[in-house]
Amino acid sequence: MFAEFKALIVRSEPTLLEDAIGVASLGVLLVAALHLPTLI
């Protein structure tokens, strides 16, 4: 099972940074959307 995860990470390594940036931006948008009613 560990070998499968390692192979998966090696295969998807070029897009791993882009995926992490996408997840972080979605998290920021979610937090901003949840705090928006208190600002208005």
N, C-alpha and C. Protein backbone atom coordinates (compact mmCIF):
# COMPACT_ATOMS: atom_id res chain seq x y z
N MET A 1 0.83 -1.19 0.00
CA MET A 1 0.00 0.00 0.00
C MET A 1 0.87 1.26 0.00
N PHE A 2 1.97 1.23 0.75
CA PHE A 2 2.88 2.37 0.76
C PHE A 2 3.49 2.59 -0.62
N ALA A 3 3.78 1.49 -1.31
CA ALA A 3 4.37 1.60 -2.65
C ALA A 3 3.38 2.25 -3.61
N GLU A 4 2.09 1.97 -3.45
CA GLU A 4 1.09 2.58 -4.31
C GLU A 4 1.02 4.09 -4.08
N PHE A 5 1.06 4.52 -2.82
CA PHE A 5 1.05 5.95 -2.51
C PHE A 5 2.30 6.63 -3.06
N LYS A 6 3.44 5.96 -2.93
CA LYS A 6 4.69 6.53 -3.43
C LYS A 6 4.63 6.69 -4.95
N ALA A 7 4.11 5.68 -5.64
CA ALA A 7 3.99 5.76 -7.09
C ALA A 7 3.01 6.86 -7.49
N LEU A 8 1.95 7.01 -6.74
CA LEU A 8 0.97 8.06 -7.02
C LEU A 8 1.58 9.44 -6.87
N ILE A 9 2.37 9.64 -5.83
CA ILE A 9 3.01 10.94 -5.60
C ILE A 9 4.04 11.22 -6.70
N VAL A 10 4.79 10.20 -7.09
CA VAL A 10 5.80 10.39 -8.14
C VAL A 10 5.12 10.75 -9.47
N ARG A 11 3.99 10.10 -9.77
CA ARG A 11 3.28 10.38 -11.02
C ARG A 11 2.67 11.77 -11.04
N SER A 12 2.17 12.23 -9.90
CA SER A 12 1.46 13.51 -9.86
C SER A 12 2.32 14.65 -9.33
N GLU A 13 3.60 14.45 -9.24
CA GLU A 13 4.49 15.47 -8.66
C GLU A 13 4.48 16.80 -9.42
N PRO A 14 4.42 16.81 -10.75
CA PRO A 14 4.43 18.11 -11.45
C PRO A 14 3.22 19.00 -11.11
N THR A 15 2.08 18.40 -10.84
CA THR A 15 0.89 19.21 -10.56
C THR A 15 0.60 19.31 -9.07
N LEU A 16 1.45 18.74 -8.24
CA LEU A 16 1.19 18.73 -6.80
C LEU A 16 1.19 20.14 -6.23
N LEU A 17 2.12 20.98 -6.64
CA LEU A 17 2.18 22.36 -6.15
C LEU A 17 0.95 23.15 -6.60
N GLU A 18 0.56 22.97 -7.86
CA GLU A 18 -0.62 23.67 -8.36
C GLU A 18 -1.88 23.24 -7.61
N ASP A 19 -1.99 21.95 -7.32
CA ASP A 19 -3.15 21.47 -6.56
C ASP A 19 -3.15 22.04 -5.15
N ALA A 20 -1.99 22.13 -4.52
CA ALA A 20 -1.91 22.69 -3.17
C ALA A 20 -2.31 24.17 -3.18
N ILE A 21 -1.87 24.91 -4.20
CA ILE A 21 -2.25 26.32 -4.30
C ILE A 21 -3.75 26.44 -4.50
N GLY A 22 -4.33 25.57 -5.31
CA GLY A 22 -5.77 25.59 -5.53
C GLY A 22 -6.55 25.30 -4.26
N VAL A 23 -6.11 24.33 -3.49
CA VAL A 23 -6.77 24.00 -2.23
C VAL A 23 -6.67 25.16 -1.24
N ALA A 24 -5.50 25.79 -1.18
CA ALA A 24 -5.32 26.94 -0.28
C ALA A 24 -6.21 28.10 -0.69
N SER A 25 -6.33 28.36 -2.00
CA SER A 25 -7.17 29.47 -2.44
C SER A 25 -8.64 29.18 -2.16
N LEU A 26 -9.07 27.94 -2.30
CA LEU A 26 -10.45 27.59 -1.95
C LEU A 26 -10.70 27.78 -0.46
N GLY A 27 -9.72 27.44 0.36
CA GLY A 27 -9.87 27.65 1.80
C GLY A 27 -9.97 29.11 2.15
N VAL A 28 -9.16 29.94 1.49
CA VAL A 28 -9.21 31.39 1.74
C VAL A 28 -10.57 31.95 1.31
N LEU A 29 -11.06 31.51 0.17
CA LEU A 29 -12.38 31.97 -0.30
C LEU A 29 -13.49 31.54 0.67
N LEU A 30 -13.40 30.34 1.19
CA LEU A 30 -14.41 29.86 2.14
C LEU A 30 -14.40 30.69 3.41
N VAL A 31 -13.23 30.95 3.95
CA VAL A 31 -13.13 31.75 5.17
C VAL A 31 -13.63 33.17 4.90
N ALA A 32 -13.26 33.75 3.76
CA ALA A 32 -13.72 35.10 3.42
C ALA A 32 -15.23 35.13 3.29
N ALA A 33 -15.82 34.12 2.66
CA ALA A 33 -17.26 34.07 2.48
C ALA A 33 -17.98 33.93 3.82
N LEU A 34 -17.40 33.20 4.75
CA LEU A 34 -18.04 33.01 6.05
C LEU A 34 -17.95 34.28 6.90
N HIS A 35 -16.91 35.08 6.70
CA HIS A 35 -16.75 36.31 7.47
C HIS A 35 -17.41 37.53 6.81
N LEU A 36 -17.86 37.36 5.57
CA LEU A 36 -18.44 38.48 4.83
C LEU A 36 -19.69 39.07 5.50
N PRO A 37 -20.61 38.27 6.04
CA PRO A 37 -21.80 38.86 6.68
C PRO A 37 -21.48 39.74 7.88
N THR A 38 -20.40 39.46 8.59
CA THR A 38 -20.07 40.28 9.75
C THR A 38 -19.47 41.63 9.33
N LEU A 39 -18.94 41.71 8.11
CA LEU A 39 -18.32 42.94 7.63
C LEU A 39 -19.34 43.90 7.04
N ILE A 40 -20.45 43.36 6.60
CA ILE A 40 -21.47 44.21 5.95
C ILE A 40 -22.46 44.72 6.98
